[in-house]
Amino acid sequence: MRACFLQFKIDQFKSEFKKPLHIEDQEILTKRGVYLTLTDELGKHGIGELSNLPGYHQQSFEEDLVQLEGLLAKIIDEPFQFLHFDKSKPLYNLFSLDSFGDCSTTVKFALESALLDWYENRAPEFFQKKVGFDPRGLKLKMNALYVPGEESHSIEALTQYWIKNKITTVKIKIGRQDLAKDIALIQEIQKFGQGKFKLRLDANRGLTIEGLTELCRNIKTSWVEYFEEPFESYGDYFSYD
C-alpha cells in the first residue's frame, strides 16, 4: 500500500519557565520549538515536536530547524510503501535518505514522532501488528504532582486524597524555596502519608551536595523512590557519596 505526504506545516512556539534553568554557565528562561504536522493524500496527519535547550544539545534551535526543513523537502511528494515499516530503522524504513544519519537527535525525534503518529492514524491495524500492541488499550499509572505555592488544600487533605485514590507515587518539586521549608514539607507529607505512597523529589538542579545531604538526614529516604536532577553541576554527581 502506497502513501504520499502532500504537505507539512511548522508552527513555532515559545514558552517561559516558571523558574530559570541553569545549565553549566547559562541561565535559560524560555524554551523555543516547533510543532510539525505532516498530511498525506487522504488528509491523515501526524504531529511531532522539535525543541532543544542550549547546553543540552550540540546544535542550536535555528540549526535544527534548517535541518528539519531540508529533510521535509526531500520526503514531500515522494510516494512510499508504508507496509515496509520497521521500527528499528531510521525514518522507520519508509524513506531511504543517505543524509538522515547526520541529523541531530532532536530532528530525528521530531520527524520520527510525526511519522509514528501518522502511521497510527493512517493504518491502525497494520500499526498494531508492527509495534506488537494496541496503544489505545494501554493503561498507564500516573503519579500525583505537588508544587509548593500552587496548592490551596492542606497537606493532610491532599495525602488522604492520594491514599483514597490509590496513588502510589507523588512527585514533589523541591529546590524552589528554602531548604528548611522543603524539609518541613516532606516531613509533613510523610507524616500523613505513612509510607502508603512513594515520593519522587524533583529539584530541577536546585540543590547542592550539602543541601541534599541535609535533606536526606531529615526525611525517611526509604519512602523516596528517587531524586530527580538534584545538582546543577554534573561534577557533583561524581562527588556525592
C-alpha atoms as a PDB file:
ATOM      1  CA  MET A   1       0.000   0.000   0.000  1.00  0.00           C
ATOM      2  CA  ARG A   2       1.368   3.345  -1.052  1.00  0.00           C
ATOM      3  CA  ALA A   3       1.096   6.750   0.527  1.00  0.00           C
ATOM      4  CA  CYS A   4       2.454  10.217  -0.068  1.00  0.00           C
ATOM      5  CA  PHE A   5       2.806  13.293   2.086  1.00  0.00           C
ATOM      6  CA  LEU A   6       1.452  16.285   0.219  1.00  0.00           C
ATOM      7  CA  GLN A   7       2.295  18.981   2.707  1.00  0.00           C
ATOM      8  CA  PHE A   8       3.907  19.809   6.010  1.00  0.00           C
ATOM      9  CA  LYS A   9       3.198  22.612   8.452  1.00  0.00           C
ATOM     10  CA  ILE A  10       5.549  24.099  11.015  1.00  0.00           C
ATOM     11  CA  ASP A  11       4.161  26.151  13.905  1.00  0.00           C
ATOM     12  CA  GLN A  12       6.683  27.832  16.166  1.00  0.00           C
ATOM     13  CA  PHE A  13       6.117  28.202  19.896  1.00  0.00           C
ATOM     14  CA  LYS A  14       7.899  29.824  22.805  1.00  0.00           C
ATOM     15  CA  SER A  15       7.218  29.082  26.458  1.00  0.00           C
ATOM     16  CA  GLU A  16       8.617  30.621  29.633  1.00  0.00           C
ATOM     17  CA  PHE A  17       9.861  28.585  32.572  1.00  0.00           C
ATOM     18  CA  LYS A  18       8.425  29.429  35.970  1.00  0.00           C
ATOM     19  CA  LYS A  19      11.937  29.120  37.347  1.00  0.00           C
ATOM     20  CA  PRO A  20      15.115  29.658  35.276  1.00  0.00           C
ATOM     21  CA  LEU A  21      17.071  26.555  34.317  1.00  0.00           C
ATOM     22  CA  HIS A  22      20.809  26.689  34.963  1.00  0.00           C
ATOM     23  CA  ILE A  23      22.862  24.600  32.560  1.00  0.00           C
ATOM     24  CA  GLU A  24      26.588  24.983  33.070  1.00  0.00           C
ATOM     25  CA  ASP A  25      27.136  28.763  32.930  1.00  0.00           C
ATOM     26  CA  GLN A  26      23.851  29.564  31.171  1.00  0.00           C
ATOM     27  CA  GLU A  27      20.560  30.733  32.650  1.00  0.00           C
ATOM     28  CA  ILE A  28      17.668  29.622  30.457  1.00  0.00           C
ATOM     29  CA  LEU A  29      14.386  31.470  30.806  1.00  0.00           C
ATOM     30  CA  THR A  30      12.460  30.233  27.771  1.00  0.00           C
ATOM     31  CA  LYS A  31      12.059  27.205  25.550  1.00  0.00           C
ATOM     32  CA  ARG A  32      11.686  27.518  21.790  1.00  0.00           C
ATOM     33  CA  GLY A  33      10.373  24.895  19.446  1.00  0.00           C
ATOM     34  CA  VAL A  34       8.050  23.942  16.610  1.00  0.00           C
ATOM     35  CA  TYR A  35       5.153  21.586  16.140  1.00  0.00           C
ATOM     36  CA  LEU A  36       5.465  19.667  12.879  1.00  0.00           C
ATOM     37  CA  THR A  37       2.340  18.411  11.106  1.00  0.00           C
ATOM     38  CA  LEU A  38       2.590  16.008   8.152  1.00  0.00           C
ATOM     39  CA  THR A  39      -0.512  15.491   5.989  1.00  0.00           C
ATOM     40  CA  ASP A  40      -0.965  12.751   3.380  1.00  0.00           C
ATOM     41  CA  GLU A  41      -3.165  12.478   0.283  1.00  0.00           C
ATOM     42  CA  LEU A  42      -6.103  11.200   2.357  1.00  0.00           C
ATOM     43  CA  GLY A  43      -5.933  14.031   4.844  1.00  0.00           C
ATOM     44  CA  LYS A  44      -4.433  11.824   7.548  1.00  0.00           C
ATOM     45  CA  HIS A  45      -1.852  13.628   9.617  1.00  0.00           C
ATOM     46  CA  GLY A  46       0.890  13.083  12.168  1.00  0.00           C
ATOM     47  CA  ILE A  47       2.323  15.544  14.663  1.00  0.00           C
ATOM     48  CA  GLY A  48       5.848  15.787  16.076  1.00  0.00           C
ATOM     49  CA  GLU A  49       7.768  18.315  18.127  1.00  0.00           C
ATOM     50  CA  LEU A  50      11.200  19.857  17.685  1.00  0.00           C
ATOM     51  CA  SER A  51      12.657  21.675  20.675  1.00  0.00           C
ATOM     52  CA  ASN A  52      16.025  21.857  22.340  1.00  0.00           C
ATOM     53  CA  LEU A  53      17.846  23.681  25.095  1.00  0.00           C
ATOM     54  CA  PRO A  54      21.261  25.364  24.936  1.00  0.00           C
ATOM     55  CA  GLY A  55      23.748  23.238  26.838  1.00  0.00           C
ATOM     56  CA  TYR A  56      21.767  20.040  26.370  1.00  0.00           C
ATOM     57  CA  HIS A  57      22.063  19.763  22.598  1.00  0.00           C
ATOM     58  CA  GLN A  58      25.011  20.394  20.318  1.00  0.00           C
ATOM     59  CA  GLN A  59      23.087  22.258  17.632  1.00  0.00           C
ATOM     60  CA  SER A  60      21.086  25.423  18.124  1.00  0.00           C
ATOM     61  CA  PHE A  61      17.352  25.589  17.580  1.00  0.00           C
ATOM     62  CA  GLU A  62      17.914  27.535  14.349  1.00  0.00           C
ATOM     63  CA  GLU A  63      20.326  24.906  13.011  1.00  0.00           C
ATOM     64  CA  ASP A  64      17.924  22.093  13.862  1.00  0.00           C
ATOM     65  CA  LEU A  65      15.053  23.887  12.167  1.00  0.00           C
ATOM     66  CA  VAL A  66      17.045  24.311   8.937  1.00  0.00           C
ATOM     67  CA  GLN A  67      17.983  20.633   9.061  1.00  0.00           C
ATOM     68  CA  LEU A  68      14.380  19.573   9.630  1.00  0.00           C
ATOM     69  CA  GLU A  69      13.090  21.682   6.753  1.00  0.00           C
ATOM     70  CA  GLY A  70      15.759  20.176   4.492  1.00  0.00           C
ATOM     71  CA  LEU A  71      14.600  16.643   5.301  1.00  0.00           C
ATOM     72  CA  LEU A  72      10.958  17.544   4.848  1.00  0.00           C
ATOM     73  CA  ALA A  73      11.672  18.931   1.390  1.00  0.00           C
ATOM     74  CA  LYS A  74      13.031  15.501   0.414  1.00  0.00           C
ATOM     75  CA  ILE A  75      10.051  13.441   1.551  1.00  0.00           C
ATOM     76  CA  ILE A  76       7.195  15.694   0.416  1.00  0.00           C
ATOM     77  CA  ASP A  77       5.541  14.348  -2.760  1.00  0.00           C
ATOM     78  CA  GLU A  78       7.680  11.189  -2.624  1.00  0.00           C
ATOM     79  CA  PRO A  79       5.470   8.053  -2.685  1.00  0.00           C
ATOM     80  CA  PHE A  80       6.419   5.272  -0.295  1.00  0.00           C
ATOM     81  CA  GLN A  81       5.232   1.839   0.815  1.00  0.00           C
ATOM     82  CA  PHE A  82       4.074   2.239   4.379  1.00  0.00           C
ATOM     83  CA  LEU A  83       3.828  -1.530   4.892  1.00  0.00           C
ATOM     84  CA  HIS A  84       7.638  -1.532   4.837  1.00  0.00           C
ATOM     85  CA  PHE A  85       7.529  -0.004   8.318  1.00  0.00           C
ATOM     86  CA  ASP A  86      10.425  -1.174  10.510  1.00  0.00           C
ATOM     87  CA  LYS A  87      10.638   0.362  13.980  1.00  0.00           C
ATOM     88  CA  SER A  88      14.351  -0.477  14.250  1.00  0.00           C
ATOM     89  CA  LYS A  89      15.440   1.631  11.255  1.00  0.00           C
ATOM     90  CA  PRO A  90      15.791   5.386  10.658  1.00  0.00           C
ATOM     91  CA  LEU A  91      12.589   7.006   9.425  1.00  0.00           C
ATOM     92  CA  TYR A  92      11.051   3.589  10.172  1.00  0.00           C
ATOM     93  CA  ASN A  93      12.297   2.335   6.793  1.00  0.00           C
ATOM     94  CA  LEU A  94       9.680   4.432   4.980  1.00  0.00           C
ATOM     95  CA  PHE A  95      12.267   6.584   3.217  1.00  0.00           C
ATOM     96  CA  SER A  96      15.830   5.991   2.089  1.00  0.00           C
ATOM     97  CA  LEU A  97      17.823   9.090   2.926  1.00  0.00           C
ATOM     98  CA  ASP A  98      21.606   8.966   2.996  1.00  0.00           C
ATOM     99  CA  SER A  99      21.766  12.250   4.875  1.00  0.00           C
ATOM    100  CA  PHE A 100      19.497  11.092   7.660  1.00  0.00           C
ATOM    101  CA  GLY A 101      22.366   9.686   9.690  1.00  0.00           C
ATOM    102  CA  ASP A 102      23.880  13.156  10.029  1.00  0.00           C
ATOM    103  CA  CYS A 103      20.788  14.658  11.637  1.00  0.00           C
ATOM    104  CA  SER A 104      20.705  15.725  15.256  1.00  0.00           C
ATOM    105  CA  THR A 105      18.759  13.664  17.772  1.00  0.00           C
ATOM    106  CA  THR A 106      16.127  16.388  18.140  1.00  0.00           C
ATOM    107  CA  VAL A 107      15.464  16.462  14.389  1.00  0.00           C
ATOM    108  CA  LYS A 108      15.189  12.670  14.291  1.00  0.00           C
ATOM    109  CA  PHE A 109      12.786  12.715  17.206  1.00  0.00           C
ATOM    110  CA  ALA A 110      10.585  15.389  15.614  1.00  0.00           C
ATOM    111  CA  LEU A 111      10.302  13.645  12.264  1.00  0.00           C
ATOM    112  CA  GLU A 112      10.011  10.094  13.553  1.00  0.00           C
ATOM    113  CA  SER A 113       7.391  11.008  16.161  1.00  0.00           C
ATOM    114  CA  ALA A 114       5.327  12.666  13.415  1.00  0.00           C
ATOM    115  CA  LEU A 115       5.699   9.563  11.225  1.00  0.00           C
ATOM    116  CA  LEU A 116       4.702   7.288  14.090  1.00  0.00           C
ATOM    117  CA  ASP A 117       1.638   9.389  14.875  1.00  0.00           C
ATOM    118  CA  TRP A 118       0.679   9.462  11.189  1.00  0.00           C
ATOM    119  CA  TYR A 119       1.143   5.700  10.812  1.00  0.00           C
ATOM    120  CA  GLU A 120      -1.262   5.001  13.659  1.00  0.00           C
ATOM    121  CA  ASN A 121      -3.850   7.364  12.147  1.00  0.00           C
ATOM    122  CA  ARG A 122      -3.482   6.045   8.595  1.00  0.00           C
ATOM    123  CA  ALA A 123      -3.376   2.293   9.238  1.00  0.00           C
ATOM    124  CA  PRO A 124      -4.186   1.446  12.867  1.00  0.00           C
ATOM    125  CA  GLU A 125      -4.500  -2.313  12.264  1.00  0.00           C
ATOM    126  CA  PHE A 126      -1.146  -2.542  10.495  1.00  0.00           C
ATOM    127  CA  PHE A 127       0.375  -0.265  13.111  1.00  0.00           C
ATOM    128  CA  GLN A 128      -0.721  -2.560  15.930  1.00  0.00           C
ATOM    129  CA  LYS A 129       0.796  -5.565  14.181  1.00  0.00           C
ATOM    130  CA  LYS A 130       4.079  -3.783  13.552  1.00  0.00           C
ATOM    131  CA  VAL A 131       4.563  -2.438  17.065  1.00  0.00           C
ATOM    132  CA  GLY A 132       3.090  -5.510  18.744  1.00  0.00           C
ATOM    133  CA  PHE A 133       0.343  -3.906  20.802  1.00  0.00           C
ATOM    134  CA  ASP A 134      -2.669  -1.611  20.655  1.00  0.00           C
ATOM    135  CA  PRO A 135      -1.604   1.724  22.204  1.00  0.00           C
ATOM    136  CA  ARG A 136      -5.236   2.680  22.728  1.00  0.00           C
ATOM    137  CA  GLY A 137      -5.594  -0.246  25.110  1.00  0.00           C
ATOM    138  CA  LEU A 138      -2.676   0.757  27.322  1.00  0.00           C
ATOM    139  CA  LYS A 139      -3.300   1.664  30.930  1.00  0.00           C
ATOM    140  CA  LEU A 140      -0.641   3.908  32.405  1.00  0.00           C
ATOM    141  CA  LYS A 141      -0.135   4.623  36.065  1.00  0.00           C
ATOM    142  CA  MET A 142       0.280   8.329  36.732  1.00  0.00           C
ATOM    143  CA  ASN A 143       1.905   9.986  39.704  1.00  0.00           C
ATOM    144  CA  ALA A 144       0.406  12.897  41.587  1.00  0.00           C
ATOM    145  CA  LEU A 145       2.245  16.238  41.477  1.00  0.00           C
ATOM    146  CA  TYR A 146       2.760  18.743  44.276  1.00  0.00           C
ATOM    147  CA  VAL A 147       4.288  22.154  43.567  1.00  0.00           C
ATOM    148  CA  PRO A 148       4.843  24.357  46.639  1.00  0.00           C
ATOM    149  CA  GLY A 149       2.814  27.541  46.451  1.00  0.00           C
ATOM    150  CA  GLU A 150       0.397  26.228  43.825  1.00  0.00           C
ATOM    151  CA  GLU A 151      -1.911  24.145  46.009  1.00  0.00           C
ATOM    152  CA  SER A 152      -4.682  25.547  48.208  1.00  0.00           C
ATOM    153  CA  HIS A 153      -5.593  22.313  50.011  1.00  0.00           C
ATOM    154  CA  SER A 154      -3.909  21.270  53.244  1.00  0.00           C
ATOM    155  CA  ILE A 155      -1.227  18.589  53.222  1.00  0.00           C
ATOM    156  CA  GLU A 156      -3.425  16.337  55.351  1.00  0.00           C
ATOM    157  CA  ALA A 157      -6.333  16.659  52.901  1.00  0.00           C
ATOM    158  CA  LEU A 158      -4.063  16.007  49.920  1.00  0.00           C
ATOM    159  CA  THR A 159      -2.443  12.926  51.400  1.00  0.00           C
ATOM    160  CA  GLN A 160      -5.833  11.468  52.272  1.00  0.00           C
ATOM    161  CA  TYR A 161      -6.983  12.147  48.701  1.00  0.00           C
ATOM    162  CA  TRP A 162      -3.904  10.404  47.280  1.00  0.00           C
ATOM    163  CA  ILE A 163      -4.380   7.404  49.536  1.00  0.00           C
ATOM    164  CA  LYS A 164      -8.108   7.180  48.822  1.00  0.00           C
ATOM    165  CA  ASN A 165      -7.457   7.236  45.066  1.00  0.00           C
ATOM    166  CA  LYS A 166      -4.697   4.630  45.355  1.00  0.00           C
ATOM    167  CA  ILE A 167      -1.940   6.953  44.183  1.00  0.00           C
ATOM    168  CA  THR A 168       1.304   5.026  44.544  1.00  0.00           C
ATOM    169  CA  THR A 169       3.761   7.815  43.702  1.00  0.00           C
ATOM    170  CA  VAL A 170       3.787  11.562  44.361  1.00  0.00           C
ATOM    171  CA  LYS A 171       6.220  13.890  42.604  1.00  0.00           C
ATOM    172  CA  ILE A 172       7.224  16.926  44.650  1.00  0.00           C
ATOM    173  CA  LYS A 173       9.044  19.941  43.271  1.00  0.00           C
ATOM    174  CA  ILE A 174      11.832  20.954  45.633  1.00  0.00           C
ATOM    175  CA  GLY A 175      14.675  23.470  45.476  1.00  0.00           C
ATOM    176  CA  ARG A 176      12.299  26.361  44.779  1.00  0.00           C
ATOM    177  CA  GLN A 177      12.187  27.569  48.370  1.00  0.00           C
ATOM    178  CA  ASP A 178      14.410  27.494  51.440  1.00  0.00           C
ATOM    179  CA  LEU A 179      15.785  24.053  52.223  1.00  0.00           C
ATOM    180  CA  ALA A 180      14.229  24.185  55.692  1.00  0.00           C
ATOM    181  CA  LYS A 181      10.795  24.685  54.124  1.00  0.00           C
ATOM    182  CA  ASP A 182      11.352  21.753  51.744  1.00  0.00           C
ATOM    183  CA  ILE A 183      12.350  19.532  54.653  1.00  0.00           C
ATOM    184  CA  ALA A 184       9.317  20.592  56.697  1.00  0.00           C
ATOM    185  CA  LEU A 185       7.032  19.981  53.699  1.00  0.00           C
ATOM    186  CA  ILE A 186       8.349  16.478  53.039  1.00  0.00           C
ATOM    187  CA  GLN A 187       8.222  15.603  56.727  1.00  0.00           C
ATOM    188  CA  GLU A 188       4.572  16.666  56.859  1.00  0.00           C
ATOM    189  CA  ILE A 189       3.682  14.684  53.734  1.00  0.00           C
ATOM    190  CA  GLN A 190       5.439  11.613  55.101  1.00  0.00           C
ATOM    191  CA  LYS A 191       3.744  12.058  58.474  1.00  0.00           C
ATOM    192  CA  PHE A 192       0.258  11.917  56.969  1.00  0.00           C
ATOM    193  CA  GLY A 193       1.165   9.501  54.168  1.00  0.00           C
ATOM    194  CA  GLN A 194       2.668   6.880  56.479  1.00  0.00           C
ATOM    195  CA  GLY A 195       4.552   5.210  53.654  1.00  0.00           C
ATOM    196  CA  LYS A 196       1.437   4.399  51.627  1.00  0.00           C
ATOM    197  CA  PHE A 197       2.959   6.093  48.575  1.00  0.00           C
ATOM    198  CA  LYS A 198       6.487   6.786  47.375  1.00  0.00           C
ATOM    199  CA  LEU A 199       7.951  10.231  46.724  1.00  0.00           C
ATOM    200  CA  ARG A 200       9.847  11.442  43.680  1.00  0.00           C
ATOM    201  CA  LEU A 201      11.745  14.567  44.657  1.00  0.00           C
ATOM    202  CA  ASP A 202      12.441  16.770  41.626  1.00  0.00           C
ATOM    203  CA  ALA A 203      14.945  19.541  42.348  1.00  0.00           C
ATOM    204  CA  ASN A 204      15.456  20.789  38.779  1.00  0.00           C
ATOM    205  CA  ARG A 205      19.161  21.181  39.612  1.00  0.00           C
ATOM    206  CA  GLY A 206      18.335  23.353  42.606  1.00  0.00           C
ATOM    207  CA  LEU A 207      20.337  21.568  45.333  1.00  0.00           C
ATOM    208  CA  THR A 208      23.951  21.476  46.421  1.00  0.00           C
ATOM    209  CA  ILE A 209      25.721  18.408  47.788  1.00  0.00           C
ATOM    210  CA  GLU A 210      25.386  19.865  51.273  1.00  0.00           C
ATOM    211  CA  GLY A 211      21.699  20.590  50.722  1.00  0.00           C
ATOM    212  CA  LEU A 212      20.888  17.074  49.522  1.00  0.00           C
ATOM    213  CA  THR A 213      22.850  15.590  52.420  1.00  0.00           C
ATOM    214  CA  GLU A 214      20.919  17.704  54.917  1.00  0.00           C
ATOM    215  CA  LEU A 215      17.633  16.788  53.271  1.00  0.00           C
ATOM    216  CA  CYS A 216      18.367  13.066  53.449  1.00  0.00           C
ATOM    217  CA  ARG A 217      19.275  13.346  57.124  1.00  0.00           C
ATOM    218  CA  ASN A 218      15.855  14.734  57.963  1.00  0.00           C
ATOM    219  CA  ILE A 219      13.409  12.635  55.934  1.00  0.00           C
ATOM    220  CA  LYS A 220      12.588   8.950  55.554  1.00  0.00           C
ATOM    221  CA  THR A 221      14.636   8.104  52.473  1.00  0.00           C
ATOM    222  CA  SER A 222      13.171   4.589  52.395  1.00  0.00           C
ATOM    223  CA  TRP A 223       9.909   6.246  51.310  1.00  0.00           C
ATOM    224  CA  VAL A 224      11.655   8.127  48.484  1.00  0.00           C
ATOM    225  CA  GLU A 225      11.644   6.429  45.083  1.00  0.00           C
ATOM    226  CA  TYR A 226      14.350   8.666  43.638  1.00  0.00           C
ATOM    227  CA  PHE A 227      15.777  12.186  43.475  1.00  0.00           C
ATOM    228  CA  GLU A 228      15.408  13.803  40.056  1.00  0.00           C
ATOM    229  CA  GLU A 229      18.106  16.207  38.853  1.00  0.00           C
ATOM    230  CA  PRO A 230      19.322  17.277  42.295  1.00  0.00           C
ATOM    231  CA  PHE A 231      22.515  19.075  41.219  1.00  0.00           C
ATOM    232  CA  GLU A 232      23.306  21.952  38.888  1.00  0.00           C
ATOM    233  CA  SER A 233      26.850  20.744  38.244  1.00  0.00           C
ATOM    234  CA  TYR A 234      27.463  17.350  36.656  1.00  0.00           C
ATOM    235  CA  GLY A 235      30.629  17.079  38.723  1.00  0.00           C
ATOM    236  CA  ASP A 236      28.571  16.990  41.908  1.00  0.00           C
ATOM    237  CA  TYR A 237      27.093  13.646  40.886  1.00  0.00           C
ATOM    238  CA  PHE A 238      30.562  12.101  40.964  1.00  0.00           C
ATOM    239  CA  SER A 239      31.482  13.838  44.217  1.00  0.00           C
ATOM    240  CA  TYR A 240      28.327  12.910  46.110  1.00  0.00           C
ATOM    241  CA  ASP A 241      28.624   9.838  48.306  1.00  0.00           C
END
